[in-house]
Protein backbone atom coordinates (compact mmCIF):
# COMPACT_ATOMS: atom_id res chain seq x y z
CA MET A 1 -13.86 5.60 -7.18
CA THR A 2 -12.96 8.23 -9.58
CA GLY A 3 -15.55 8.29 -12.33
CA THR A 4 -17.98 5.58 -11.06
CA PRO A 5 -21.54 6.69 -10.59
CA THR A 6 -22.34 3.08 -9.25
CA THR A 7 -20.24 0.75 -7.38
CA SER A 8 -21.67 -1.80 -10.46
CA GLN A 9 -20.24 0.69 -13.74
CA ALA A 10 -17.00 0.11 -14.44
CA PRO A 11 -15.06 3.49 -14.66
CA GLN A 12 -13.13 5.37 -17.63
CA PRO A 13 -9.93 4.10 -17.32
CA LEU A 14 -7.57 6.51 -15.39
CA ALA A 15 -4.65 6.22 -18.21
CA SER A 16 -3.51 4.72 -20.74
CA ARG A 17 -2.62 0.78 -21.09
CA ARG A 18 0.84 1.42 -21.82
CA HIS A 19 1.32 3.73 -19.17
CA THR A 20 -0.67 0.66 -16.64
CA PHE A 21 1.85 -2.20 -18.03
CA ARG A 22 4.83 0.60 -17.58
CA PHE A 23 3.44 0.70 -13.80
CA LEU A 24 3.43 -3.02 -13.84
CA LEU A 25 6.85 -3.44 -14.84
CA ILE A 26 7.81 -0.71 -11.74
CA VAL A 27 6.60 -2.68 -9.56
CA VAL A 28 8.31 -6.08 -10.49
CA GLY A 29 11.58 -4.01 -10.74
CA ILE A 30 10.89 -2.58 -7.01
CA ALA A 31 10.48 -6.66 -6.14
CA VAL A 32 13.93 -8.02 -8.12
CA ALA A 33 15.51 -4.93 -7.01
CA GLY A 34 14.87 -6.09 -2.99
CA LEU A 35 15.17 -9.54 -3.44
CA LEU A 36 18.45 -8.77 -5.24
CA ARG A 37 19.61 -6.89 -2.30
CA ALA A 38 18.19 -9.50 0.60
CA GLY A 39 20.12 -12.14 -1.27
CA ALA A 40 23.27 -10.04 -1.24
CA THR A 41 22.85 -9.15 2.39
CA PRO A 42 21.85 -11.97 4.29
CA ALA A 43 23.31 -11.09 7.65
CA ALA A 44 21.60 -7.37 7.33
CA ALA A 45 19.96 -8.03 10.73
CA ALA A 46 22.98 -9.49 12.45
CA SER A 47 24.98 -6.30 12.00
CA PRO A 48 21.92 -3.62 11.31
CA PRO A 49 23.07 -0.29 10.34
CA PRO A 50 24.02 2.29 12.61
CA SER A 51 21.44 4.66 11.40
CA ARG A 52 18.13 3.89 9.70
CA VAL A 53 17.70 6.87 8.86
CA PRO A 54 19.21 6.80 5.31
CA LEU A 55 17.27 4.14 4.72
CA TYR A 56 13.85 4.99 5.62
CA LEU A 57 14.11 8.68 3.74
CA SER A 58 14.74 6.54 0.49
CA LEU A 59 11.90 4.34 1.12
CA VAL A 60 9.76 7.65 1.34
CA LEU A 61 11.18 8.95 -2.02
CA LEU A 62 10.40 6.11 -3.30
CA GLU A 63 6.99 6.14 -2.29
CA LEU A 64 6.92 9.90 -3.74
CA ALA A 65 8.52 8.69 -6.90
CA LEU A 66 5.63 5.54 -7.71
CA VAL A 67 2.50 8.39 -6.80
CA TRP A 68 4.67 10.82 -9.02
CA TYR A 69 4.57 8.41 -11.61
CA VAL A 70 1.11 7.63 -11.64
CA ALA A 71 0.07 11.25 -11.52
CA ILE A 72 1.93 11.61 -14.79
CA GLY A 73 -0.52 9.10 -16.65
CA VAL A 74 -4.01 10.10 -15.00
CA ARG A 75 -2.86 13.86 -15.87
CA ARG A 76 -2.41 13.48 -19.62
CA GLN A 77 -6.35 11.81 -19.28
CA GLY A 78 -7.35 14.87 -17.46
CA HIS A 79 -7.49 13.94 -13.66
CA SER A 80 -5.77 15.35 -10.80
CA VAL A 81 -3.70 13.04 -8.44
CA PHE A 82 -5.80 14.01 -6.02
CA ASP A 83 -9.13 12.27 -8.27
CA LEU A 84 -7.75 9.18 -6.50
CA LEU A 85 -9.15 9.46 -3.29
CA GLY A 86 -12.15 9.12 -4.55
CA VAL A 87 -15.51 10.23 -2.76
CA ARG A 88 -14.08 13.04 -0.02
CA TRP A 89 -15.93 14.74 2.86
CA ARG A 90 -18.40 17.03 2.55
CA SER A 91 -19.23 17.44 6.13
CA TRP A 92 -17.88 16.70 9.92
CA ARG A 93 -20.09 13.27 9.64
CA ASP A 94 -17.97 11.77 6.19
CA ALA A 95 -14.93 12.66 8.01
CA GLY A 96 -15.73 10.58 11.47
CA ARG A 97 -17.01 7.71 9.53
CA ASP A 98 -14.03 7.27 7.64
CA VAL A 99 -12.04 7.57 10.93
CA ALA A 100 -14.58 5.05 12.50
CA LEU A 101 -13.94 2.60 9.24
CA ALA A 102 -10.88 3.42 9.38
CA ALA A 103 -9.92 2.46 13.25
CA GLY A 104 -12.61 -0.58 12.53
CA MET A 105 -10.22 -2.16 9.93
CA ALA A 106 -6.76 -1.59 11.84
CA LEU A 107 -8.47 -3.11 14.96
CA LEU A 108 -9.70 -6.09 12.39
CA LEU A 109 -5.86 -6.73 10.92
CA ARG A 110 -4.70 -6.11 14.09
CA GLY A 111 -6.91 -8.92 15.63
CA LEU A 112 -6.10 -11.27 13.05
CA SER A 113 -2.45 -10.49 13.42
CA ALA A 114 -2.04 -13.37 14.99
CA ALA A 115 -3.30 -15.80 12.57
CA LEU A 116 -1.37 -13.91 9.62
CA HIS A 117 2.10 -14.12 11.91
CA TRP A 118 1.51 -17.81 11.68
CA LEU A 119 0.61 -17.96 8.00
CA ALA A 120 3.59 -15.79 7.36
CA GLY A 121 6.11 -16.94 10.34
CA PRO A 122 8.40 -15.18 11.70
CA VAL A 123 10.08 -11.81 10.71
CA HIS A 124 12.77 -12.95 7.90
CA ALA A 125 16.15 -11.98 9.20
CA ARG A 126 16.52 -9.65 5.70
CA THR A 127 13.70 -7.02 6.88
CA ALA A 128 13.98 -7.36 11.00
CA PHE A 129 16.60 -4.80 10.74
CA VAL A 130 14.49 -2.37 9.04
CA LEU A 131 12.10 -2.32 12.01
CA PRO A 132 12.74 1.27 13.87
CA ARG A 133 15.04 1.49 17.48
CA GLY A 134 15.34 4.35 19.66
CA ILE A 135 12.74 7.83 20.17
CA ALA A 136 14.35 9.52 16.97
CA GLU A 137 13.90 6.12 14.39
CA SER A 138 10.04 5.33 16.12
CA LEU A 139 9.51 9.35 15.19
CA LEU A 140 10.85 8.99 11.88
CA TRP A 141 9.36 5.63 11.26
CA VAL A 142 5.99 7.24 11.85
CA VAL A 143 6.47 9.32 9.10
CA VAL A 144 7.57 6.65 7.05
CA SER A 145 4.21 5.06 7.82
CA LEU A 146 1.82 8.06 6.84
CA ALA A 147 3.81 8.06 3.31
CA ALA A 148 3.15 4.47 3.06
CA GLY A 149 -0.44 4.62 3.81
CA ALA A 150 -0.87 7.67 1.57
CA CYS A 151 1.36 6.66 -1.59
CA GLU A 152 0.59 2.89 -1.79
CA GLU A 153 -3.31 3.67 -1.20
CA ALA A 154 -3.38 5.74 -4.11
CA ALA A 155 -0.84 3.64 -6.51
CA PHE A 156 -2.83 0.54 -6.08
CA ARG A 157 -6.26 1.18 -4.69
CA GLY A 158 -6.77 4.99 -6.38
CA TYR A 159 -4.74 4.06 -9.12
CA LEU A 160 -4.32 0.07 -10.13
CA GLN A 161 -7.74 -1.06 -9.20
CA PRO A 162 -10.33 1.12 -11.05
CA GLN A 163 -7.33 1.32 -14.12
CA LEU A 164 -8.35 -2.79 -13.91
CA TRP A 165 -11.60 -2.48 -13.49
CA ALA A 166 -12.13 -0.28 -16.62
CA LEU A 167 -9.73 -2.57 -18.32
CA THR A 168 -11.15 -5.66 -17.35
CA GLY A 169 -15.29 -4.58 -16.94
CA SER A 170 -14.57 -6.86 -13.63
CA LEU A 171 -14.44 -5.00 -10.31
CA PRO A 172 -13.55 -8.50 -8.19
CA ALA A 173 -10.59 -9.31 -10.92
CA ALA A 174 -9.84 -5.75 -10.30
CA ILE A 175 -9.53 -6.06 -6.47
CA PHE A 176 -7.87 -9.47 -6.35
CA GLY A 177 -5.78 -7.98 -9.36
CA GLN A 178 -4.09 -5.38 -7.36
CA ALA A 179 -3.95 -7.47 -4.35
CA LEU A 180 -1.99 -9.47 -6.10
CA VAL A 181 0.58 -6.92 -7.39
CA PHE A 182 0.63 -5.12 -4.04
CA GLY A 183 1.73 -9.02 -2.64
CA VAL A 184 4.43 -9.26 -5.07
CA ALA A 185 6.08 -6.05 -5.01
CA HIS A 186 6.99 -7.36 -1.34
CA LEU A 187 8.42 -10.53 -2.42
CA TYR A 188 11.84 -9.34 -0.89
CA GLN A 189 10.11 -10.15 2.58
CA GLY A 190 9.86 -13.57 1.30
CA TRP A 191 6.57 -15.35 0.04
CA ARG A 192 4.62 -16.19 3.23
CA ALA A 193 4.90 -12.17 3.89
CA ALA A 194 4.00 -11.27 0.83
CA LEU A 195 1.09 -13.65 0.64
CA VAL A 196 0.18 -11.43 3.72
CA THR A 197 0.80 -8.17 2.28
CA ALA A 198 -1.71 -9.46 -0.46
CA LEU A 199 -4.64 -10.60 1.82
CA TYR A 200 -4.33 -6.63 3.48
CA GLY A 201 -4.52 -5.82 0.33
CA LEU A 202 -7.56 -7.55 -0.55
CA ALA A 203 -9.12 -6.28 2.38
CA PHE A 204 -8.12 -2.63 1.40
CA GLY A 205 -9.23 -2.96 -1.93
CA VAL A 206 -12.70 -4.13 -0.65
CA LEU A 207 -12.81 -1.17 1.58
CA ALA A 208 -11.82 1.22 -1.16
CA ALA A 209 -14.64 -0.21 -3.55
CA TRP A 210 -17.76 -0.48 -0.92
CA ARG A 211 -16.36 3.37 0.33
CA ARG A 212 -15.48 4.34 -3.34
CA SER A 213 -13.43 6.24 -1.29
CA ILE A 214 -9.18 5.44 -0.76
CA ILE A 215 -9.45 7.93 2.69
CA PRO A 216 -10.39 5.16 5.18
CA GLY A 217 -8.11 2.90 3.74
CA ILE A 218 -4.77 5.37 3.74
CA LEU A 219 -5.50 5.76 7.93
CA ALA A 220 -6.10 1.77 8.11
CA HIS A 221 -2.87 1.54 6.86
CA TRP A 222 -1.20 4.58 8.65
CA LEU A 223 -2.36 2.63 11.77
CA VAL A 224 -1.21 -0.85 11.12
CA ASP A 225 2.23 -0.30 10.10
CA VAL A 226 2.75 2.07 12.85
CA VAL A 227 1.68 -0.27 15.46
CA GLY A 228 3.67 -3.36 13.34
CA GLY A 229 6.73 -1.19 13.52
CA LEU A 230 5.94 0.35 17.31
CA VAL A 231 4.78 -2.71 18.63
CA ARG A 232 7.00 -6.19 18.58
CA ARG A 233 4.92 -8.69 18.85
């Protein structure tokens, strides 16, 4: 990741401790808001909205806002938001390797989906209404998935993971920590689904640490979300 010459050496902090604390508060706020919304509209799936376009647009704006806040913190330390990508492509071979890693990760997680589905149980009624219906919503879902893949990987694996590594001096603690926070952000889906999301975050965190880049994670995350939304179980 950024500022890490070797995978055994902790990087320099990307932002201040205060910024990271506020980032965690924002994630908790998102989780609480999602829980309150889900509790206030338990029958959402029984009477789905006529159009999910406003919802999808709000999700994209939320993802962008999270990265915007991350960018504020890292810029104060002299970094660019693009530094969160980690090791970048220098040749077609690098690109091909990351695409292959992303495809392999997506296939692995998809292959484990039956076990994860058993762990999480059926899709909860309060989140099922998010899934797209029709061609227009399906196309927009691809855009939402791309935003989620890029922004969540940048925020949780590109920023939070190396930041926790720098603050704790432990890469395993950083990987598990960011996965836990990632799961908390999805608590509105229910604790079982949040646990599965944390496991996904753990897998993406290991991939980012090993590759020293979030690029394959972005691609894999996007593929997983696209397939998860467009291919019904």
